Protein backbone atom coordinates (compact mmCIF):
# COMPACT_ATOMS: atom_id res chain seq x y z
CA MET A 1 -3.99 -21.51 9.74
CA THR A 2 -7.63 -21.05 10.70
CA SER A 3 -10.09 -23.75 9.80
CA PRO A 4 -13.00 -23.08 7.40
CA GLU A 5 -15.39 -23.37 10.32
CA GLU A 6 -13.57 -20.61 12.23
CA ASP A 7 -13.86 -18.30 9.25
CA ILE A 8 -17.68 -18.32 9.25
CA VAL A 9 -19.33 -15.46 11.10
CA ALA A 10 -20.12 -17.16 14.40
CA GLY A 11 -21.80 -19.98 12.50
CA LEU A 12 -24.83 -17.77 11.91
CA PRO A 13 -26.85 -17.69 8.71
CA VAL A 14 -25.93 -14.81 6.45
CA ASP A 15 -29.09 -12.89 7.23
CA GLN A 16 -28.27 -12.89 10.96
CA ALA A 17 -24.83 -11.34 10.70
CA PRO A 18 -24.48 -7.74 11.94
CA THR A 19 -25.28 -4.93 9.52
CA ALA A 20 -24.53 -1.25 9.40
CA ASP A 21 -27.77 0.13 10.82
CA GLU A 22 -29.05 -2.69 13.00
CA GLY A 23 -28.97 -2.09 16.70
CA THR A 24 -26.20 -4.53 17.51
CA ALA A 25 -23.75 -3.56 20.20
CA GLU A 26 -20.20 -2.76 19.24
CA THR A 27 -17.77 -5.52 20.00
CA GLU A 28 -14.55 -4.84 21.86
CA LEU A 29 -12.59 -5.70 18.72
CA GLU A 30 -14.62 -3.22 16.65
CA VAL A 31 -13.86 -0.42 19.08
CA ARG A 32 -10.19 -1.37 19.26
CA ALA A 33 -9.90 -1.78 15.48
CA THR A 34 -11.46 1.58 14.64
CA ALA A 35 -9.40 3.37 17.31
CA SER A 36 -6.23 1.76 15.98
CA ALA A 37 -7.16 2.59 12.39
CA ARG A 38 -7.75 6.24 13.29
CA VAL A 39 -4.41 6.53 15.06
CA VAL A 40 -2.64 4.94 12.10
CA LEU A 41 -4.61 7.13 9.70
CA LEU A 42 -3.64 10.29 11.59
CA ALA A 43 0.01 9.29 11.37
CA ARG A 44 -0.34 8.58 7.68
CA VAL A 45 -2.08 11.91 7.08
CA VAL A 46 0.99 13.65 8.47
CA GLY A 47 3.14 11.67 6.05
CA LEU A 48 0.67 12.34 3.25
CA VAL A 49 0.98 16.10 3.70
CA ALA A 50 4.74 15.79 3.32
CA THR A 51 4.34 13.50 0.30
CA PHE A 52 1.91 15.88 -1.37
CA LEU A 53 4.18 18.88 -0.85
CA GLY A 54 7.08 16.83 -2.20
CA SER A 55 5.06 15.82 -5.25
CA VAL A 56 4.26 19.45 -6.00
CA ALA A 57 7.90 20.46 -5.52
CA LEU A 58 9.06 17.59 -7.75
CA ALA A 59 6.66 18.52 -10.54
CA ARG A 60 7.64 22.17 -10.45
CA ALA A 61 11.36 21.41 -10.23
CA LEU A 62 11.48 18.81 -13.02
CA GLY A 63 8.63 19.73 -15.36
CA PRO A 64 6.49 17.16 -17.23
CA ASP A 65 9.42 15.36 -18.93
CA GLY A 66 11.59 15.04 -15.82
CA ARG A 67 8.58 14.14 -13.68
CA GLY A 68 7.68 11.41 -16.13
CA ALA A 69 11.21 9.98 -16.11
CA HIS A 70 11.22 9.98 -12.29
CA GLY A 71 7.83 8.24 -12.24
CA PHE A 72 9.16 5.63 -14.67
CA PHE A 73 12.15 4.97 -12.37
CA VAL A 74 9.82 4.51 -9.39
CA ALA A 75 7.58 2.13 -11.36
CA VAL A 76 10.54 0.03 -12.56
CA THR A 77 11.97 -0.14 -9.03
CA VAL A 78 8.70 -1.20 -7.42
CA ILE A 79 7.97 -3.82 -10.08
CA LEU A 80 11.47 -5.29 -9.78
CA VAL A 81 11.13 -5.46 -5.99
CA ALA A 82 7.92 -7.44 -6.47
CA VAL A 83 9.32 -9.69 -9.22
CA ALA A 84 12.63 -10.52 -7.53
CA GLY A 85 11.13 -10.52 -4.03
CA LEU A 86 9.14 -13.74 -4.69
CA SER A 87 6.66 -12.60 -2.00
CA LEU A 88 9.19 -13.61 0.66
CA PRO A 89 8.04 -10.77 3.00
CA VAL A 90 4.52 -12.27 3.02
CA GLY A 91 6.14 -15.62 3.82
CA ASP A 92 7.69 -13.87 6.84
CA TYR A 93 4.23 -12.75 7.96
CA ILE A 94 2.71 -16.23 7.61
CA LEU A 95 5.62 -17.97 9.39
CA MET A 96 5.61 -15.51 12.27
CA THR A 97 1.84 -15.33 12.83
CA ARG A 98 0.88 -18.92 12.05
CA MET A 99 3.97 -20.96 12.86
CA GLY A 100 5.79 -19.02 15.56
CA ALA A 101 9.01 -18.40 13.61
CA ALA A 102 11.52 -16.09 15.30
CA ARG A 103 11.39 -12.51 14.06
CA ARG A 104 15.13 -11.87 14.33
CA ALA A 105 16.00 -14.92 12.24
CA LEU A 106 13.48 -13.87 9.59
CA ALA A 107 14.81 -10.30 9.63
CA ALA A 108 18.42 -11.47 9.27
CA ASN A 109 17.47 -13.61 6.29
CA GLY A 110 15.68 -10.59 4.86
CA VAL A 111 18.94 -8.66 4.53
CA TRP A 112 20.54 -11.40 2.44
CA LEU A 113 17.41 -11.89 0.32
CA ALA A 114 17.09 -8.15 -0.37
CA VAL A 115 20.71 -7.94 -1.57
CA ALA A 116 20.21 -10.99 -3.80
CA ALA A 117 17.06 -9.49 -5.32
CA ALA A 118 18.87 -6.21 -6.00
CA THR A 119 21.82 -7.96 -7.65
CA VAL A 120 19.68 -10.03 -10.02
CA SER A 121 17.40 -7.10 -10.86
CA THR A 122 20.25 -4.73 -11.68
CA LEU A 123 21.83 -7.27 -14.02
CA VAL A 124 18.50 -7.84 -15.78
CA VAL A 125 17.84 -4.10 -16.22
CA GLY A 126 21.36 -3.52 -17.53
CA ALA A 127 21.02 -6.30 -20.08
CA ALA A 128 17.53 -5.18 -21.15
CA GLU A 129 18.70 -1.59 -21.63
CA ALA A 130 21.71 -2.71 -23.67
CA LEU A 131 19.51 -4.85 -25.93
CA LEU A 132 16.27 -2.88 -26.10
CA GLY A 133 17.02 0.64 -24.89
CA PHE A 134 13.69 0.82 -23.05
CA LEU A 135 14.67 3.39 -20.41
CA PRO A 136 13.80 7.07 -21.02
CA PRO A 137 16.84 9.08 -22.20
CA GLU A 138 16.40 11.45 -19.25
CA LEU A 139 16.92 8.48 -16.90
CA THR A 140 19.97 6.98 -18.58
CA ALA A 141 21.58 10.42 -18.43
CA VAL A 142 21.59 10.18 -14.62
CA PRO A 143 25.16 9.42 -13.44
CA ALA A 144 25.64 5.89 -12.06
CA TRP A 145 22.01 4.92 -12.72
CA PRO A 146 22.73 1.15 -12.38
CA ALA A 147 24.02 1.77 -8.84
CA ALA A 148 20.88 3.79 -8.12
CA ILE A 149 18.71 0.87 -9.24
CA PHE A 150 20.68 -1.62 -7.10
CA LEU A 151 20.52 0.48 -3.93
CA ALA A 152 16.87 1.40 -4.44
CA ILE A 153 15.80 -2.22 -4.89
CA ALA A 154 17.84 -3.45 -1.92
CA GLY A 155 16.39 -0.72 0.32
CA PHE A 156 12.78 -1.13 -0.73
CA ALA A 157 13.02 -4.95 -0.63
CA TYR A 158 14.27 -4.99 2.95
CA ASN A 159 11.69 -2.36 3.87
CA ALA A 160 9.03 -4.85 2.69
CA HIS A 161 10.42 -7.54 5.03
CA GLN A 162 10.40 -5.17 8.00
CA LEU A 163 6.88 -3.99 7.16
CA GLN A 164 5.47 -7.52 7.25
CA LEU A 165 7.40 -8.44 10.38
CA SER A 166 6.15 -5.35 12.22
CA LEU A 167 2.54 -6.16 11.31
CA ALA A 168 3.06 -9.79 12.31
CA GLY A 169 4.33 -8.52 15.66
CA GLY A 170 1.19 -6.46 16.23
CA ARG A 171 2.85 -3.10 15.51
CA ALA A 172 0.31 -1.33 13.27
CA LEU A 173 1.71 2.16 13.73
CA LEU A 174 5.28 1.03 12.99
CA GLY A 175 4.04 -0.94 10.00
CA ALA A 176 2.22 2.12 8.73
CA PHE A 177 5.39 4.19 9.08
CA LEU A 178 7.45 1.64 7.17
CA SER A 179 4.78 1.70 4.48
CA PHE A 180 4.53 5.45 3.98
CA GLY A 181 7.63 6.80 5.75
CA THR A 182 9.99 6.06 2.89
CA TYR A 183 7.99 8.19 0.47
CA ALA A 184 7.45 10.93 3.05
CA ILE A 185 11.19 11.14 3.70
CA ALA A 186 11.89 11.32 -0.04
CA ALA A 187 9.24 14.05 -0.33
CA VAL A 188 11.06 16.21 2.20
CA GLY A 189 14.12 15.93 -0.02
CA TYR A 190 12.07 16.97 -3.04
CA VAL A 191 11.09 20.21 -1.29
CA PHE A 192 14.77 21.02 -0.84
CA LEU A 193 15.29 20.07 -4.48
CA LEU A 194 12.95 22.86 -5.51
CA LEU A 195 14.83 25.31 -3.31
CA LEU A 196 18.41 24.21 -4.02
CA GLY A 197 18.24 22.67 -7.50
CA GLY A 198 19.89 19.46 -8.67
CA GLY A 199 17.36 18.25 -11.23
CA LEU A 200 16.48 14.65 -11.98
CA PRO A 201 19.76 13.09 -10.70
CA ALA A 202 19.26 14.62 -7.25
CA ALA A 203 15.61 13.49 -7.18
CA ILE A 204 16.61 9.91 -8.06
CA TRP A 205 19.26 9.72 -5.35
CA MET A 206 16.91 11.23 -2.78
CA LEU A 207 14.50 8.37 -3.46
CA VAL A 208 17.35 5.84 -3.24
CA ALA A 209 18.38 7.13 0.21
CA ALA A 210 14.82 7.20 1.59
CA PRO A 211 14.35 3.51 2.63
CA TYR A 212 17.66 3.54 4.49
CA LEU A 213 16.71 6.70 6.36
CA ALA A 214 13.30 5.17 7.16
CA ALA A 215 15.03 2.10 8.63
CA ALA A 216 17.17 4.37 10.79
CA VAL A 217 14.10 6.22 12.08
CA ALA A 218 12.26 2.92 12.75
CA SER A 219 15.13 1.79 14.99
CA PHE A 220 13.99 4.38 17.55
CA ALA A 221 10.48 2.88 17.87
CA ARG A 222 9.25 2.08 21.36
CA PRO A 223 8.99 -0.64 22.45
CA PRO A 224 12.18 -1.41 20.50
CA PHE A 225 11.81 -3.13 17.14
CA SER A 226 15.15 -3.50 15.40
CA ALA A 227 15.09 -1.97 11.92
CA VAL A 228 18.09 -4.09 10.88
CA SER A 229 18.90 -7.60 12.13
CA LEU A 230 22.22 -9.07 11.05
CA GLY A 231 23.10 -12.73 11.13
CA SER A 232 24.08 -15.74 9.06
CA PHE A 233 21.79 -16.97 6.29
CA ASP A 234 19.41 -19.68 7.51
CA ARG A 235 18.72 -21.87 4.47
CA PRO A 236 16.02 -24.11 5.99
CA LEU A 237 14.15 -21.05 7.21
CA ALA A 238 14.53 -19.42 3.78
CA ARG A 239 13.04 -22.51 2.13
CA ARG A 240 10.03 -22.35 4.47
CA THR A 241 9.66 -18.63 3.78
CA LEU A 242 9.84 -19.24 0.04
CA HIS A 243 7.26 -22.03 0.28
CA GLU A 244 4.75 -19.77 2.02
CA GLY A 245 5.60 -16.73 -0.08
CA LEU A 246 5.19 -18.50 -3.42
CA ARG A 247 1.55 -19.19 -2.54
CA PHE A 248 1.01 -15.43 -2.55
CA TYR A 249 3.53 -14.55 -5.26
CA PRO A 250 1.32 -14.67 -8.36
CA GLY A 251 -1.22 -12.46 -6.61
CA GLU A 252 1.30 -9.96 -5.28
CA LEU A 253 3.08 -9.74 -8.61
CA ALA A 254 -0.20 -9.29 -10.45
CA ALA A 255 -1.31 -6.63 -7.95
CA MET A 256 1.95 -4.72 -8.38
CA LEU A 257 1.77 -4.93 -12.17
CA HIS A 258 -1.83 -3.79 -11.94
CA LEU A 259 -0.70 -0.62 -10.17
CA ARG A 260 2.40 0.14 -12.25
CA LEU A 261 1.83 -1.25 -15.73
CA ASP A 262 0.00 1.89 -16.80
CA VAL A 263 3.08 4.03 -16.06
CA ILE A 264 5.40 1.59 -17.85
CA LEU A 265 3.13 1.38 -20.89
CA LEU A 266 2.68 5.15 -20.97
CA GLY A 267 6.46 5.50 -20.85
CA ILE A 268 6.89 3.15 -23.79
CA LEU A 269 3.94 4.30 -25.92
CA THR A 270 3.78 8.04 -25.19
CA PRO A 271 6.16 10.96 -24.51
CA ALA A 272 7.59 11.39 -21.02
CA SER A 273 5.42 14.47 -20.54
CA THR A 274 2.26 12.31 -20.79
CA VAL A 275 3.65 10.05 -18.06
CA GLY A 276 4.22 13.17 -15.96
CA MET A 277 0.57 14.22 -16.36
CA TYR A 278 -0.69 10.80 -15.32
CA VAL A 279 1.64 10.46 -12.33
CA VAL A 280 0.57 13.88 -11.03
CA ALA A 281 -3.11 12.93 -11.44
CA TYR A 282 -2.64 9.62 -9.65
CA GLN A 283 -0.63 11.04 -6.77
CA THR A 284 -3.24 13.73 -6.21
CA ALA A 285 -5.96 11.06 -5.92
CA GLU A 286 -3.80 8.93 -3.62
CA PRO A 287 -5.06 10.28 -0.24
CA ILE A 288 -8.01 7.89 -0.51
CA LEU A 289 -5.59 4.95 -0.40
CA VAL A 290 -4.15 6.30 2.84
CA ILE A 291 -7.51 5.63 4.49
CA ALA A 292 -7.45 2.06 3.19
CA SER A 293 -3.85 1.48 4.27
CA ALA A 294 -4.74 2.35 7.86
CA ALA A 295 -7.52 -0.23 7.78
CA GLN A 296 -5.21 -2.78 6.12
CA ALA A 297 -2.55 -2.41 8.83
CA THR A 298 -5.18 -2.81 11.55
CA ILE A 299 -6.67 -5.94 9.95
CA LEU A 300 -3.32 -7.65 9.37
CA ALA A 301 -2.35 -6.97 12.98
CA PHE A 302 -5.33 -9.05 14.15
CA GLY A 303 -3.21 -12.11 13.34
CA GLY A 304 -5.01 -15.39 13.83
CA SER A 305 -6.53 -14.65 17.21
CA SER A 306 -9.83 -13.12 18.33
CA ASP A 307 -13.32 -14.44 17.72
CA ALA A 308 -14.24 -14.90 14.06
CA ALA A 309 -17.51 -12.98 14.43
CA ASP A 310 -15.75 -10.06 16.10
CA ARG A 311 -13.14 -9.94 13.34
CA SER A 312 -15.76 -9.97 10.59
CA ALA A 313 -17.78 -7.22 12.23
CA ALA A 314 -14.63 -5.13 12.63
CA VAL A 315 -13.63 -5.62 9.00
CA ALA A 316 -17.10 -4.64 7.78
CA ARG A 317 -17.04 -1.53 9.91
CA LEU A 318 -13.61 -0.52 8.62
CA ILE A 319 -14.87 -0.87 5.05
CA ARG A 320 -17.94 1.25 5.78
CA GLU A 321 -15.94 4.01 7.47
CA THR A 322 -13.45 4.01 4.60
CA ILE A 323 -16.29 4.50 2.12
CA VAL A 324 -17.73 7.39 4.14
CA LEU A 325 -14.38 9.19 4.40
CA ALA A 326 -13.41 8.47 0.79
CA VAL A 327 -16.69 9.68 -0.69
CA GLY A 328 -16.39 12.91 1.29
CA LEU A 329 -12.88 13.46 -0.08
CA CYS A 330 -14.03 12.69 -3.63
CA VAL A 331 -16.84 15.23 -3.52
CA VAL A 332 -14.49 17.97 -2.35
CA ALA A 333 -11.86 17.01 -4.92
CA VAL A 334 -14.31 17.03 -7.84
CA LEU A 335 -15.39 20.56 -6.95
CA LEU A 336 -11.88 21.96 -6.51
CA ALA A 337 -9.72 20.01 -8.99
CA PRO A 338 -10.22 22.16 -12.14
CA LEU A 339 -8.97 25.22 -10.27
CA ILE A 340 -6.55 23.75 -7.75
CA LEU A 341 -4.46 21.36 -9.85
CA PRO A 342 -3.18 23.94 -12.39
CA ALA A 343 -2.67 26.46 -9.59
CA ILE A 344 -0.61 24.05 -7.47
CA TYR A 345 1.39 22.19 -10.09
CA GLY A 346 1.53 24.93 -12.72
CA GLN A 347 -0.25 25.38 -16.04
CA ALA A 348 2.11 22.85 -17.64
CA PHE A 349 0.12 20.15 -15.78
CA ALA A 350 -3.39 21.44 -16.61
CA ALA A 351 -4.01 18.35 -18.76
CA SER A 352 -3.85 16.17 -15.61
CA VAL A 353 -7.33 17.33 -14.47
CA GLN A 354 -9.31 14.95 -16.70
CA PRO A 355 -7.44 11.76 -15.72
CA PHE A 356 -7.58 12.90 -12.09
CA LEU A 357 -11.38 13.10 -12.13
CA LEU A 358 -11.54 9.56 -13.55
CA LEU A 359 -9.02 8.26 -11.03
CA LEU A 360 -11.00 9.49 -8.02
CA PRO A 361 -13.72 6.78 -8.20
CA ALA A 362 -11.09 4.31 -9.41
CA VAL A 363 -8.96 4.79 -6.31
CA LEU A 364 -12.06 4.59 -4.10
CA MET A 365 -12.77 1.12 -5.51
CA LEU A 366 -9.12 0.15 -5.12
CA ALA A 367 -9.26 1.17 -1.45
CA ILE A 368 -12.25 -1.09 -0.83
CA GLY A 369 -10.59 -3.95 -2.66
CA ARG A 370 -7.39 -3.60 -0.67
CA ILE A 371 -9.21 -3.83 2.66
CA ALA A 372 -11.02 -6.98 1.55
CA ALA A 373 -7.74 -8.45 0.26
CA ALA A 374 -6.04 -7.72 3.60
CA GLU A 375 -8.68 -9.78 5.38
CA LEU A 376 -8.26 -12.62 2.88
CA THR A 377 -4.49 -12.51 3.50
CA ARG A 378 -4.97 -12.50 7.26
CA ARG A 379 -7.20 -15.56 6.92
CA ASN A 380 -4.38 -17.24 4.95
CA ARG A 381 -6.65 -17.50 1.91
CA LEU A 382 -3.82 -16.52 -0.39
CA GLU A 383 -5.18 -18.42 -3.37
CA ALA A 384 -8.23 -16.15 -3.39
CA THR A 385 -6.04 -13.06 -3.45
CA VAL A 386 -4.15 -14.53 -6.40
CA VAL A 387 -7.30 -15.03 -8.46
CA VAL A 388 -8.51 -11.49 -7.69
CA ALA A 389 -5.19 -9.84 -8.49
CA VAL A 390 -4.52 -11.77 -11.71
CA ALA A 391 -8.01 -11.15 -13.09
CA ALA A 392 -7.81 -7.42 -12.33
CA MET A 393 -4.29 -7.11 -13.77
CA LEU A 394 -5.21 -8.83 -17.04
CA THR A 395 -8.24 -6.56 -17.38
CA ASN A 396 -6.04 -3.51 -16.81
CA LEU A 397 -3.37 -4.70 -19.27
CA CYS A 398 -5.82 -5.32 -22.09
CA LEU A 399 -7.61 -2.01 -21.60
CA ASN A 400 -4.35 -0.05 -21.39
CA LEU A 401 -3.06 -1.55 -24.62
CA ILE A 402 -6.29 -0.53 -26.34
CA LEU A 403 -6.87 2.90 -24.77
CA ILE A 404 -3.41 4.42 -24.22
CA PRO A 405 -2.53 4.73 -27.94
CA ILE A 406 -5.88 6.48 -28.49
CA LEU A 407 -6.44 8.57 -25.34
CA GLY A 408 -3.06 8.71 -23.60
CA ALA A 409 -3.26 9.46 -19.87
CA THR A 410 -7.07 9.60 -19.97
CA GLY A 411 -7.13 6.10 -21.47
CA ALA A 412 -4.94 4.81 -18.66
CA ALA A 413 -7.30 6.38 -16.12
CA ILE A 414 -10.33 4.69 -17.73
CA ALA A 415 -8.52 1.34 -17.66
CA SER A 416 -7.78 1.84 -13.96
CA LEU A 417 -11.41 2.71 -13.18
CA VAL A 418 -12.67 -0.50 -14.78
CA SER A 419 -9.99 -2.84 -13.39
CA TYR A 420 -10.00 -1.39 -9.85
CA SER A 421 -13.77 -1.80 -9.75
CA ALA A 422 -13.44 -5.40 -10.89
CA GLN A 423 -10.81 -6.03 -8.22
CA ALA A 424 -13.03 -4.67 -5.45
CA GLY A 425 -16.03 -6.68 -6.61
CA LEU A 426 -14.09 -9.95 -6.80
CA ALA A 427 -12.38 -9.47 -3.43
CA LEU A 428 -15.68 -8.68 -1.71
CA ALA A 429 -17.32 -11.68 -3.38
CA TYR A 430 -14.63 -13.98 -1.98
CA LEU A 431 -14.99 -12.41 1.45
CA HIS A 432 -18.73 -12.90 1.26
CA ARG A 433 -18.30 -16.59 0.40
CA ILE A 434 -15.44 -17.37 2.77
CA ALA A 435 -16.44 -15.32 5.82
CA GLY A 436 -20.21 -15.25 5.32
CA MET A 437 -20.13 -11.45 5.41
CA PRO A 438 -23.40 -10.16 3.91
CA TRP A 439 -23.22 -7.56 1.19
CA ARG A 440 -25.37 -5.13 3.17
CA ALA A 441 -22.87 -5.24 6.03
CA ILE A 442 -20.47 -3.09 3.98
CA VAL A 443 -23.06 -0.52 2.89
CA PRO A 444 -22.66 2.63 5.01
CA GLY A 445 -25.63 3.90 6.96
CA SER A 446 -26.40 6.98 8.97
CA ARG A 447 -24.75 5.46 12.04
CA ASP A 448 -21.48 5.16 10.15
CA VAL A 449 -21.57 8.81 9.11
CA VAL A 450 -22.21 9.81 12.73
CA ALA A 451 -19.44 7.46 13.91
CA VAL A 452 -16.93 8.96 11.49
CA VAL A 453 -17.84 12.55 12.40
CA SER A 454 -17.85 11.89 16.15
CA GLY A 455 -14.74 9.72 15.92
CA TRP A 456 -12.78 12.62 14.49
CA ASN A 457 -14.09 15.07 17.06
CA PRO A 458 -10.88 16.27 18.79
CA LYS A 459 -12.05 15.36 22.30
CA ALA A 460 -13.32 11.93 21.26
CA PHE A 461 -10.21 11.27 19.19
CA VAL A 462 -7.87 12.09 22.08
CA GLY A 463 -9.84 9.67 24.27
CA ALA A 464 -9.60 6.97 21.60
CA VAL A 465 -5.85 7.50 21.32
CA ARG A 466 -5.44 7.14 25.08
CA ARG A 467 -7.47 3.93 25.14
CA TRP A 468 -5.49 2.62 22.16
CA ARG A 469 -2.18 3.41 23.86
CA ALA A 470 -3.35 1.72 27.06
CA ARG A 471 -4.18 -1.44 25.14
CA THR A 472 -0.93 -1.50 23.19
CA SER A 473 1.59 -0.38 25.82
CA GLY A 474 1.73 -3.64 27.75
CA PRO A 475 4.92 -5.74 27.96
CA SER A 476 3.81 -8.04 25.12
CA ALA A 477 2.81 -5.34 22.66
CA GLY A 478 4.83 -6.48 19.72
CA SER A 479 8.01 -7.10 21.71
CA GLY A 480 8.22 -10.82 21.18
CA ASP A 481 9.46 -12.82 18.26
CA ALA A 482 6.20 -14.61 17.67
CA GLY A 483 3.01 -13.00 16.43
CA THR A 484 0.76 -11.38 18.99
CA ASP A 485 -2.78 -10.13 18.88
CA ARG A 486 -2.87 -6.43 18.56
């Protein structure tokens, strides 16, 4: 764990910290961080294209009702993974980066913990459905749906362990793949669904299979990073993991509820077709989060090493570049959405345009908040992330309960805009107080626009990739069991 003194920007007063347009030289960590983030982002863009095509295929194959039922299944699965997971994957990250715990032992424990989470969750869902009948009828009509829930939760839960362990080992690109690869693999299946048929049951089982296929693909990573580690259950290690994870648990659970409560509440309070409209709108706005996820993976891979001032400057630059890229995407999307969305998804989803336009700035704010939260997590300031996540989730819950019965999907989008903005503001305020990062350091300037444009110039990008590969191809690049600086 870093000390409070190490988390201040080089001990300088706030007004002396680097800003966006001042003539300060780039640090080595800034250059390395932005190069790494661009490589990760390029990889995620490839996955995003597949995910987008899969989303379109899924909407056209299932229609609003089936798409809504599928979105409800995804939301239930993700929430149960978070609830039953007890933030144990984050405990893995803390133990490996801060305390030198062995990766293979943590990964072996992860298998047992994922199966336990799936078992408990499936029993709870079965009992809740028998008593309350809360699942959409389209979902309960899927053959062997309890088995689908069990396998989906076990797969996604272990994927979360491997994701944190890969980041703790300095493997940003592998971590990014484990984050988005599951959904990209499922999306490929959805394209075949449109061509071959199969309906909602086939779509559900394609999602169930995706985390297992992603683990198989990850096993081929170089240098090797085992996707599955088998071994006996280490109880003392599990207790340490639980101790560290529970510090983050309220925040992670609140953050997950913040992202998925709207879908659950829409599913309970409105027809499945309304859920389908909202899910399509949200997934179409999601590319902005891909930019943030690349920055998140890069920040978490810093671990606890490197100079505090360098880290803070790198984080500020990643936030500024994310804002520049995201605003550019938003402008294009606003201009094209009224024509493109109905043309791509079909006229049955024309009502998704209005919530989509509201979700664009909402997701931009969420992206900024996620980057700031990643830096708070890396600094082991988990209590701050808890406060931010809980406050934002409660705001979202209250607004959804008020607005969804009146405005449906549009009401959910308004609730997201307000709560995501609150989350970003709170996370940045904590980062300002803890790290001494001035507010103006995250405001993009002309240099950031030039840096983004020149950084994505093909020739410059190829050079950045080569430098990134040279820095990460050494014998210690994520190959050990303890955390390494990336």
